[in-house]
PDB file of N, CA and C in Angstrom:
ATOM      1  N   MET A   1      -1.106   1.132   8.556  1.00  0.00           N
ATOM      2  CA  MET A   1      -1.513   2.611   8.240  1.00  0.00           C
ATOM      3  C   MET A   1      -2.541   2.310   7.086  1.00  0.00           C
ATOM      4  N   SER A   2      -3.822   3.103   7.619  1.00  0.00           N
ATOM      5  CA  SER A   2      -5.359   3.027   7.056  1.00  0.00           C
ATOM      6  C   SER A   2      -5.083   4.090   5.481  1.00  0.00           C
ATOM      7  N   LYS A   3      -5.443   3.562   4.287  1.00  0.00           N
ATOM      8  CA  LYS A   3      -5.223   4.128   2.659  1.00  0.00           C
ATOM      9  C   LYS A   3      -6.527   4.989   3.093  1.00  0.00           C
ATOM     10  N   ARG A   4      -7.384   5.699   4.135  1.00  0.00           N
ATOM     11  CA  ARG A   4      -8.891   5.963   3.950  1.00  0.00           C
ATOM     12  C   ARG A   4      -8.801   7.478   4.374  1.00  0.00           C
ATOM     13  N   CYS A   5      -9.562   8.339   3.886  1.00  0.00           N
ATOM     14  CA  CYS A   5      -9.752   9.760   4.035  1.00  0.00           C
ATOM     15  C   CYS A   5     -10.487  10.291   5.512  1.00  0.00           C
ATOM     16  N   ASN A   6      -9.704  10.693   6.509  1.00  0.00           N
ATOM     17  CA  ASN A   6     -11.035  10.789   8.048  1.00  0.00           C
ATOM     18  C   ASN A   6     -11.953  11.978   7.417  1.00  0.00           C
ATOM     19  N   ILE A   7     -11.885  12.319   6.609  1.00  0.00           N
ATOM     20  CA  ILE A   7     -13.044  13.389   6.008  1.00  0.00           C
ATOM     21  C   ILE A   7     -14.336  12.828   5.472  1.00  0.00           C
ATOM     22  N   THR A   8     -13.610  12.290   4.590  1.00  0.00           N
ATOM     23  CA  THR A   8     -15.002  12.493   3.549  1.00  0.00           C
ATOM     24  C   THR A   8     -15.517  10.091   3.453  1.00  0.00           C
ATOM     25  N   ASN A   9     -14.234   9.736   4.333  1.00  0.00           N
ATOM     26  CA  ASN A   9     -14.091   8.435   3.882  1.00  0.00           C
ATOM     27  C   ASN A   9     -13.835   7.575   2.645  1.00  0.00           C
ATOM     28  N   VAL A  10     -13.366   8.612   1.625  1.00  0.00           N
ATOM     29  CA  VAL A  10     -12.920   7.555   1.079  1.00  0.00           C
ATOM     30  C   VAL A  10     -11.975   6.428   0.563  1.00  0.00           C
ATOM     31  N   LYS A  11     -12.074   5.664   0.428  1.00  0.00           N
ATOM     32  CA  LYS A  11     -10.995   4.047   0.637  1.00  0.00           C
ATOM     33  C   LYS A  11     -10.325   3.967  -1.222  1.00  0.00           C
ATOM     34  N   PRO A  12      -9.979   3.175  -0.937  1.00  0.00           N
ATOM     35  CA  PRO A  12      -9.307   2.842  -2.352  1.00  0.00           C
ATOM     36  C   PRO A  12     -10.118   1.788  -3.421  1.00  0.00           C
ATOM     37  N   MET A  13     -10.099   1.800  -4.465  1.00  0.00           N
ATOM     38  CA  MET A  13     -11.142   0.990  -5.237  1.00  0.00           C
ATOM     39  C   MET A  13     -10.246   0.422  -5.996  1.00  0.00           C
ATOM     40  N   VAL A  14     -11.208  -1.257  -6.676  1.00  0.00           N
ATOM     41  CA  VAL A  14     -10.399  -2.071  -7.508  1.00  0.00           C
ATOM     42  C   VAL A  14     -11.344  -1.884  -9.097  1.00  0.00           C
ATOM     43  N   GLY A  15     -10.136  -2.174 -10.021  1.00  0.00           N
ATOM     44  CA  GLY A  15     -10.215  -2.256 -11.007  1.00  0.00           C
ATOM     45  C   GLY A  15      -9.259  -2.771 -12.066  1.00  0.00           C
ATOM     46  N   ASN A  16      -9.687  -2.575 -13.215  1.00  0.00           N
ATOM     47  CA  ASN A  16      -9.027  -3.143 -14.293  1.00  0.00           C
ATOM     48  C   ASN A  16      -7.721  -2.370 -15.331  1.00  0.00           C
ATOM     49  N   ASN A  17      -6.357  -2.994 -15.378  1.00  0.00           N
ATOM     50  CA  ASN A  17      -5.940  -2.507 -16.213  1.00  0.00           C
ATOM     51  C   ASN A  17      -6.332  -3.181 -17.626  1.00  0.00           C
ATOM     52  N   VAL A  18      -6.558  -2.474 -18.545  1.00  0.00           N
ATOM     53  CA  VAL A  18      -6.707  -2.860 -19.955  1.00  0.00           C
ATOM     54  C   VAL A  18      -5.799  -2.483 -20.595  1.00  0.00           C
ATOM     55  N   SER A  19      -5.063  -3.387 -21.078  1.00  0.00           N
ATOM     56  CA  SER A  19      -3.958  -3.345 -22.751  1.00  0.00           C
ATOM     57  C   SER A  19      -5.204  -2.435 -23.595  1.00  0.00           C
ATOM     58  N   HIS A  20      -3.802  -2.432 -24.592  1.00  0.00           N
ATOM     59  CA  HIS A  20      -4.312  -2.034 -25.832  1.00  0.00           C
ATOM     60  C   HIS A  20      -5.029  -3.385 -26.437  1.00  0.00           C
ATOM     61  N   ALA A  21      -4.862  -4.931 -26.173  1.00  0.00           N
ATOM     62  CA  ALA A  21      -4.866  -6.076 -26.603  1.00  0.00           C
ATOM     63  C   ALA A  21      -6.122  -6.456 -25.987  1.00  0.00           C
ATOM     64  N   VAL A  22      -6.678  -5.491 -25.418  1.00  0.00           N
ATOM     65  CA  VAL A  22      -7.676  -5.750 -24.149  1.00  0.00           C
ATOM     66  C   VAL A  22      -7.480  -6.976 -23.401  1.00  0.00           C
ATOM     67  N   ASN A  23      -5.801  -6.870 -22.553  1.00  0.00           N
ATOM     68  CA  ASN A  23      -5.596  -8.017 -21.573  1.00  0.00           C
ATOM     69  C   ASN A  23      -5.956  -6.866 -19.903  1.00  0.00           C
ATOM     70  N   LYS A  24      -6.948  -7.936 -19.234  1.00  0.00           N
ATOM     71  CA  LYS A  24      -7.397  -7.242 -18.346  1.00  0.00           C
ATOM     72  C   LYS A  24      -6.570  -7.626 -17.283  1.00  0.00           C
ATOM     73  N   THR A  25      -5.794  -7.058 -16.154  1.00  0.00           N
ATOM     74  CA  THR A  25      -5.314  -7.583 -15.221  1.00  0.00           C
ATOM     75  C   THR A  25      -5.828  -6.010 -13.988  1.00  0.00           C
ATOM     76  N   LYS A  26      -6.163  -6.857 -12.641  1.00  0.00           N
ATOM     77  CA  LYS A  26      -6.223  -5.818 -11.655  1.00  0.00           C
ATOM     78  C   LYS A  26      -4.964  -5.323 -10.936  1.00  0.00           C
ATOM     79  N   ARG A  27      -5.895  -4.024 -10.778  1.00  0.00           N
ATOM     80  CA  ARG A  27      -5.561  -2.672  -9.889  1.00  0.00           C
ATOM     81  C   ARG A  27      -6.361  -2.284  -9.146  1.00  0.00           C
ATOM     82  N   LYS A  28      -5.919  -0.820  -8.438  1.00  0.00           N
ATOM     83  CA  LYS A  28      -6.008  -0.595  -7.445  1.00  0.00           C
ATOM     84  C   LYS A  28      -6.025   1.097  -7.947  1.00  0.00           C
ATOM     85  N   PHE A  29      -6.894   1.714  -7.859  1.00  0.00           N
ATOM     86  CA  PHE A  29      -7.295   2.837  -7.257  1.00  0.00           C
ATOM     87  C   PHE A  29      -7.001   3.756  -5.798  1.00  0.00           C
ATOM     88  N   LEU A  30      -6.327   4.350  -5.819  1.00  0.00           N
ATOM     89  CA  LEU A  30      -5.992   5.076  -4.066  1.00  0.00           C
ATOM     90  C   LEU A  30      -6.195   6.250  -3.885  1.00  0.00           C
ATOM     91  N   PRO A  31      -7.306   6.864  -3.723  1.00  0.00           N
ATOM     92  CA  PRO A  31      -7.575   8.073  -3.022  1.00  0.00           C
ATOM     93  C   PRO A  31      -5.618   8.960  -3.220  1.00  0.00           C
ATOM     94  N   ASN A  32      -6.667  10.243  -3.483  1.00  0.00           N
ATOM     95  CA  ASN A  32      -5.188  11.140  -3.121  1.00  0.00           C
ATOM     96  C   ASN A  32      -5.351  11.752  -1.634  1.00  0.00           C
ATOM     97  N   LEU A  33      -4.508  11.114  -0.762  1.00  0.00           N
ATOM     98  CA  LEU A  33      -4.835  11.813   0.295  1.00  0.00           C
ATOM     99  C   LEU A  33      -2.903  12.334   0.604  1.00  0.00           C
ATOM    100  N   GLN A  34      -3.140  13.165   1.535  1.00  0.00           N
ATOM    101  CA  GLN A  34      -2.707  14.699   1.947  1.00  0.00           C
ATOM    102  C   GLN A  34      -2.425  14.720   3.572  1.00  0.00           C
ATOM    103  N   ASN A  35      -1.293  14.574   4.480  1.00  0.00           N
ATOM    104  CA  ASN A  35      -1.555  14.918   5.022  1.00  0.00           C
ATOM    105  C   ASN A  35      -1.115  16.217   5.737  1.00  0.00           C
ATOM    106  N   THR A  36      -2.284  16.596   6.422  1.00  0.00           N
ATOM    107  CA  THR A  36      -2.523  18.386   6.105  1.00  0.00           C
ATOM    108  C   THR A  36      -3.059  18.725   7.946  1.00  0.00           C
ATOM    109  N   SER A  37      -2.903  19.625   8.112  1.00  0.00           N
ATOM    110  CA  SER A  37      -3.499  20.403   9.652  1.00  0.00           C
ATOM    111  C   SER A  37      -4.314  21.076   9.862  1.00  0.00           C
ATOM    112  N   PHE A  38      -5.235  21.093  10.411  1.00  0.00           N
ATOM    113  CA  PHE A  38      -6.540  22.573  10.177  1.00  0.00           C
ATOM    114  C   PHE A  38      -6.503  23.007  11.277  1.00  0.00           C
ATOM    115  N   PHE A  39      -6.498  24.401  11.743  1.00  0.00           N
ATOM    116  CA  PHE A  39      -6.248  25.085  13.040  1.00  0.00           C
ATOM    117  C   PHE A  39      -8.077  25.085  12.813  1.00  0.00           C
ATOM    118  N   SER A  40      -8.378  24.547  14.271  1.00  0.00           N
ATOM    119  CA  SER A  40      -9.669  24.204  15.165  1.00  0.00           C
ATOM    120  C   SER A  40      -9.310  26.066  15.961  1.00  0.00           C
ATOM    121  N   GLU A  41     -10.618  27.028  15.890  1.00  0.00           N
ATOM    122  CA  GLU A  41     -10.490  28.138  16.125  1.00  0.00           C
ATOM    123  C   GLU A  41     -10.912  28.151  17.833  1.00  0.00           C
ATOM    124  N   ILE A  42     -12.202  27.133  18.117  1.00  0.00           N
ATOM    125  CA  ILE A  42     -12.507  26.403  19.244  1.00  0.00           C
ATOM    126  C   ILE A  42     -12.123  26.007  20.036  1.00  0.00           C
ATOM    127  N   LEU A  43     -11.093  25.019  19.308  1.00  0.00           N
ATOM    128  CA  LEU A  43     -10.100  24.347  20.481  1.00  0.00           C
ATOM    129  C   LEU A  43      -8.579  25.191  20.787  1.00  0.00           C
ATOM    130  N   GLY A  44      -7.993  26.006  19.536  1.00  0.00           N
ATOM    131  CA  GLY A  44      -7.223  26.808  19.757  1.00  0.00           C
ATOM    132  C   GLY A  44      -5.915  26.193  19.443  1.00  0.00           C
ATOM    133  N   LYS A  45      -5.955  25.048  18.550  1.00  0.00           N
ATOM    134  CA  LYS A  45      -4.833  24.404  17.994  1.00  0.00           C
ATOM    135  C   LYS A  45      -4.992  23.503  17.041  1.00  0.00           C
ATOM    136  N   LYS A  46      -3.979  23.302  16.235  1.00  0.00           N
ATOM    137  CA  LYS A  46      -3.783  22.746  14.788  1.00  0.00           C
ATOM    138  C   LYS A  46      -3.869  20.752  14.908  1.00  0.00           C
ATOM    139  N   ILE A  47      -5.286  20.732  14.077  1.00  0.00           N
ATOM    140  CA  ILE A  47      -5.430  19.332  13.693  1.00  0.00           C
ATOM    141  C   ILE A  47      -4.700  18.393  13.015  1.00  0.00           C
ATOM    142  N   ARG A  48      -4.331  17.508  13.334  1.00  0.00           N
ATOM    143  CA  ARG A  48      -3.770  17.123  11.803  1.00  0.00           C
ATOM    144  C   ARG A  48      -4.614  15.323  11.661  1.00  0.00           C
ATOM    145  N   LEU A  49      -4.959  15.870  10.181  1.00  0.00           N
ATOM    146  CA  LEU A  49      -5.747  14.928   9.724  1.00  0.00           C
ATOM    147  C   LEU A  49      -4.701  14.143   8.209  1.00  0.00           C
ATOM    148  N   LYS A  50      -5.695  12.807   7.829  1.00  0.00           N
ATOM    149  CA  LYS A  50      -5.307  12.138   6.133  1.00  0.00           C
ATOM    150  C   LYS A  50      -6.231  12.478   5.625  1.00  0.00           C
ATOM    151  N   VAL A  51      -6.414  13.630   4.822  1.00  0.00           N
ATOM    152  CA  VAL A  51      -7.399  13.695   3.976  1.00  0.00           C
ATOM    153  C   VAL A  51      -6.884  14.138   2.933  1.00  0.00           C
ATOM    154  N   THR A  52      -7.885  13.335   1.736  1.00  0.00           N
ATOM    155  CA  THR A  52      -8.238  13.719   0.754  1.00  0.00           C
ATOM    156  C   THR A  52      -8.172  15.162  -0.093  1.00  0.00           C
ATOM    157  N   SER A  53      -7.564  15.953  -1.419  1.00  0.00           N
ATOM    158  CA  SER A  53      -7.371  16.605  -1.551  1.00  0.00           C
ATOM    159  C   SER A  53      -9.289  17.231  -1.700  1.00  0.00           C
ATOM    160  N   LYS A  54     -10.490  16.475  -1.880  1.00  0.00           N
ATOM    161  CA  LYS A  54     -11.402  16.849  -2.627  1.00  0.00           C
ATOM    162  C   LYS A  54     -12.056  17.183  -0.836  1.00  0.00           C
ATOM    163  N   GLY A  55     -11.549  16.373   0.142  1.00  0.00           N
ATOM    164  CA  GLY A  55     -11.763  16.565   1.461  1.00  0.00           C
ATOM    165  C   GLY A  55     -11.576  18.279   2.241  1.00  0.00           C
ATOM    166  N   ILE A  56     -10.362  18.598   1.799  1.00  0.00           N
ATOM    167  CA  ILE A  56      -9.580  20.099   1.641  1.00  0.00           C
ATOM    168  C   ILE A  56     -10.617  21.009   1.348  1.00  0.00           C
ATOM    169  N   LYS A  57     -10.786  20.862   0.189  1.00  0.00           N
ATOM    170  CA  LYS A  57     -11.718  21.548  -0.407  1.00  0.00           C
ATOM    171  C   LYS A  57     -13.265  21.724  -0.079  1.00  0.00           C
ATOM    172  N   THR A  58     -13.317  20.815   0.783  1.00  0.00           N
ATOM    173  CA  THR A  58     -14.932  20.575   1.484  1.00  0.00           C
ATOM    174  C   THR A  58     -14.553  21.780   3.060  1.00  0.00           C
ATOM    175  N   VAL A  59     -13.716  21.358   3.385  1.00  0.00           N
ATOM    176  CA  VAL A  59     -14.201  21.810   5.278  1.00  0.00           C
ATOM    177  C   VAL A  59     -13.587  23.467   4.191  1.00  0.00           C
ATOM    178  N   GLU A  60     -12.397  24.001   3.759  1.00  0.00           N
ATOM    179  CA  GLU A  60     -12.495  25.022   3.566  1.00  0.00           C
ATOM    180  C   GLU A  60     -14.086  25.910   2.879  1.00  0.00           C
ATOM    181  N   LYS A  61     -14.277  25.188   1.740  1.00  0.00           N
ATOM    182  CA  LYS A  61     -15.786  26.072   1.841  1.00  0.00           C
ATOM    183  C   LYS A  61     -16.819  25.851   3.256  1.00  0.00           C
ATOM    184  N   ASN A  62     -16.392  25.475   4.131  1.00  0.00           N
ATOM    185  CA  ASN A  62     -17.878  24.655   5.332  1.00  0.00           C
ATOM    186  C   ASN A  62     -17.265  26.214   5.922  1.00  0.00           C
ATOM    187  N   GLY A  63     -15.849  26.920   5.536  1.00  0.00           N
ATOM    188  CA  GLY A  63     -15.701  27.371   6.677  1.00  0.00           C
ATOM    189  C   GLY A  63     -14.526  26.752   8.375  1.00  0.00           C
ATOM    190  N   GLY A  64     -14.166  25.947   7.772  1.00  0.00           N
ATOM    191  CA  GLY A  64     -12.917  25.420   8.782  1.00  0.00           C
ATOM    192  C   GLY A  64     -13.468  23.906   9.171  1.00  0.00           C
ATOM    193  N   ILE A  65     -12.736  23.506   9.884  1.00  0.00           N
ATOM    194  CA  ILE A  65     -12.767  22.576  10.309  1.00  0.00           C
ATOM    195  C   ILE A  65     -13.611  22.391  11.360  1.00  0.00           C
ATOM    196  N   ASP A  66     -13.674  23.214  12.019  1.00  0.00           N
ATOM    197  CA  ASP A  66     -14.874  23.371  13.588  1.00  0.00           C
ATOM    198  C   ASP A  66     -16.574  23.501  12.766  1.00  0.00           C
ATOM    199  N   ASN A  67     -16.467  23.907  11.738  1.00  0.00           N
ATOM    200  CA  ASN A  67     -18.002  24.489  10.938  1.00  0.00           C
ATOM    201  C   ASN A  67     -18.215  23.127  10.723  1.00  0.00           C
ATOM    202  N   TYR A  68     -17.469  22.876   9.892  1.00  0.00           N
ATOM    203  CA  TYR A  68     -17.153  21.290   8.737  1.00  0.00           C
ATOM    204  C   TYR A  68     -18.365  20.021   9.687  1.00  0.00           C
ATOM    205  N   LEU A  69     -17.201  19.471  10.954  1.00  0.00           N
ATOM    206  CA  LEU A  69     -17.404  18.915  11.970  1.00  0.00           C
ATOM    207  C   LEU A  69     -18.765  19.182  12.882  1.00  0.00           C
ATOM    208  N   LEU A  70     -19.605  20.135  13.599  1.00  0.00           N
ATOM    209  CA  LEU A  70     -20.532  20.364  13.616  1.00  0.00           C
ATOM    210  C   LEU A  70     -21.742  20.326  12.982  1.00  0.00           C
ATOM    211  N   GLY A  71     -21.720  20.226  11.427  1.00  0.00           N
ATOM    212  CA  GLY A  71     -22.655  20.286  10.496  1.00  0.00           C
ATOM    213  C   GLY A  71     -22.871  19.043   9.946  1.00  0.00           C
ATOM    214  N   LEU A  72     -22.341  17.881  10.324  1.00  0.00           N
ATOM    215  CA  LEU A  72     -22.175  17.022   9.933  1.00  0.00           C
ATOM    216  C   LEU A  72     -22.921  15.480  11.459  1.00  0.00           C
ATOM    217  N   LYS A  73     -23.488  14.697  10.604  1.00  0.00           N
ATOM    218  CA  LYS A  73     -23.823  13.858  11.499  1.00  0.00           C
ATOM    219  C   LYS A  73     -22.987  12.457  12.358  1.00  0.00           C
ATOM    220  N   ASN A  74     -23.281  12.317  13.049  1.00  0.00           N
ATOM    221  CA  ASN A  74     -22.322  11.446  13.900  1.00  0.00           C
ATOM    222  C   ASN A  74     -21.923   9.798  13.219  1.00  0.00           C
ATOM    223  N   SER A  75     -23.289   9.333  12.624  1.00  0.00           N
ATOM    224  CA  SER A  75     -23.068   8.676  11.614  1.00  0.00           C
ATOM    225  C   SER A  75     -22.240   8.385  10.573  1.00  0.00           C
ATOM    226  N   LYS A  76     -21.691  10.021   9.920  1.00  0.00           N
ATOM    227  CA  LYS A  76     -20.741  10.231   8.551  1.00  0.00           C
ATOM    228  C   LYS A  76     -19.661  10.467   9.406  1.00  0.00           C
ATOM    229  N   LEU A  77     -19.199   9.767  10.038  1.00  0.00           N
ATOM    230  CA  LEU A  77     -17.745  10.474  10.571  1.00  0.00           C
ATOM    231  C   LEU A  77     -17.182   9.211  11.000  1.00  0.00           C
ATOM    232  N   ASN A  78     -15.750   9.302  11.387  1.00  0.00           N
ATOM    233  CA  ASN A  78     -15.496   7.639  11.383  1.00  0.00           C
ATOM    234  C   ASN A  78     -14.486   8.054  13.010  1.00  0.00           C
ATOM    235  N   ASP A  79     -14.028   7.046  13.264  1.00  0.00           N
ATOM    236  CA  ASP A  79     -13.631   7.458  15.265  1.00  0.00           C
ATOM    237  C   ASP A  79     -12.952   8.795  15.592  1.00  0.00           C
ATOM    238  N   GLU A  80     -12.029   8.651  14.496  1.00  0.00           N
ATOM    239  CA  GLU A  80     -11.505  10.111  14.685  1.00  0.00           C
ATOM    240  C   GLU A  80     -11.489  11.176  14.383  1.00  0.00           C
ATOM    241  N   THR A  81     -12.834  11.384  13.776  1.00  0.00           N
ATOM    242  CA  THR A  81     -13.499  12.810  13.506  1.00  0.00           C
ATOM    243  C   THR A  81     -14.574  12.749  14.282  1.00  0.00           C
ATOM    244  N   LYS A  82     -15.068  11.538  15.098  1.00  0.00           N
ATOM    245  CA  LYS A  82     -16.458  11.583  15.845  1.00  0.00           C
ATOM    246  C   LYS A  82     -15.507  12.568  17.544  1.00  0.00           C
ATOM    247  N   LYS A  83     -14.440  11.493  17.695  1.00  0.00           N
ATOM    248  CA  LYS A  83     -13.640  12.156  19.042  1.00  0.00           C
ATOM    249  C   LYS A  83     -13.153  13.610  19.115  1.00  0.00           C
ATOM    250  N   LEU A  84     -13.153  14.360  17.601  1.00  0.00           N
ATOM    251  CA  LEU A  84     -12.871  15.405  17.732  1.00  0.00           C
ATOM    252  C   LEU A  84     -13.913  16.687  17.650  1.00  0.00           C
ATOM    253  N   LYS A  85     -15.337  16.204  17.315  1.00  0.00           N
ATOM    254  CA  LYS A  85     -16.189  16.945  17.282  1.00  0.00           C
ATOM    255  C   LYS A  85     -16.803  16.972  18.665  1.00  0.00           C
ATOM    256  N   LYS A  86     -16.801  15.707  19.121  1.00  0.00           N
ATOM    257  CA  LYS A  86     -16.936  15.881  20.990  1.00  0.00           C
ATOM    258  C   LYS A  86     -16.003  16.659  21.586  1.00  0.00           C
ATOM    259  N   ALA A  87     -14.900  17.047  21.508  1.00  0.00           N
ATOM    260  CA  ALA A  87     -14.159  17.477  21.957  1.00  0.00           C
ATOM    261  C   ALA A  87     -14.408  19.379  22.059  1.00  0.00           C
ATOM    262  N   ILE A  88     -14.789  19.059  20.714  1.00  0.00           N
ATOM    263  CA  ILE A  88     -15.280  20.843  19.927  1.00  0.00           C
ATOM    264  C   ILE A  88     -16.257  21.162  20.533  1.00  0.00           C
ATOM    265  N   THR A  89     -17.519  20.026  20.548  1.00  0.00           N
ATOM    266  CA  THR A  89     -18.753  20.428  21.418  1.00  0.00           C
ATOM    267  C   THR A  89     -18.584  21.078  23.123  1.00  0.00           C
ATOM    268  N   ASN A  90     -17.649  20.172  23.415  1.00  0.00           N
ATOM    269  CA  ASN A  90     -17.872  20.199  24.928  1.00  0.00           C
ATOM    270  C   ASN A  90     -16.933  21.204  25.242  1.00  0.00           C
ATOM    271  N   LYS A  91     -15.901  21.992  23.953  1.00  0.00           N
ATOM    272  CA  LYS A  91     -14.700  23.606  24.394  1.00  0.00           C
ATOM    273  C   LYS A  91     -16.613  24.342  24.472  1.00  0.00           C
ATOM    274  N   LYS A  92     -16.989  24.089  23.025  1.00  0.00           N
ATOM    275  CA  LYS A  92     -17.998  25.267  22.618  1.00  0.00           C
ATOM    276  C   LYS A  92     -18.877  25.336  23.893  1.00  0.00           C
ATOM    277  N   SER A  93     -19.291  24.177  24.676  1.00  0.00           N
ATOM    278  CA  SER A  93     -20.566  24.667  25.461  1.00  0.00           C
ATOM    279  C   SER A  93     -20.683  25.409  26.814  1.00  0.00           C
TER     280      SER A  93
END
């Protein structure tokens, strides 16, 4: 199970825990992933995605998952969202 956002492609980052004595140990910064469902008006069904909270806000700002995916280039999308975009464009045409 990947810890990557389907919308923004955010993945875990690596850094250091720094103690008061300035001892450094490695740690991971995980993205704030949420399992959410977006309603696609063009497809007429709910789409379940694993998205960060920033990704949810971005989709809502752009007027829904349909408008967001149609407005992005394919190079910015991962495999799952490319399939969704293709299904939306086929249904819209």
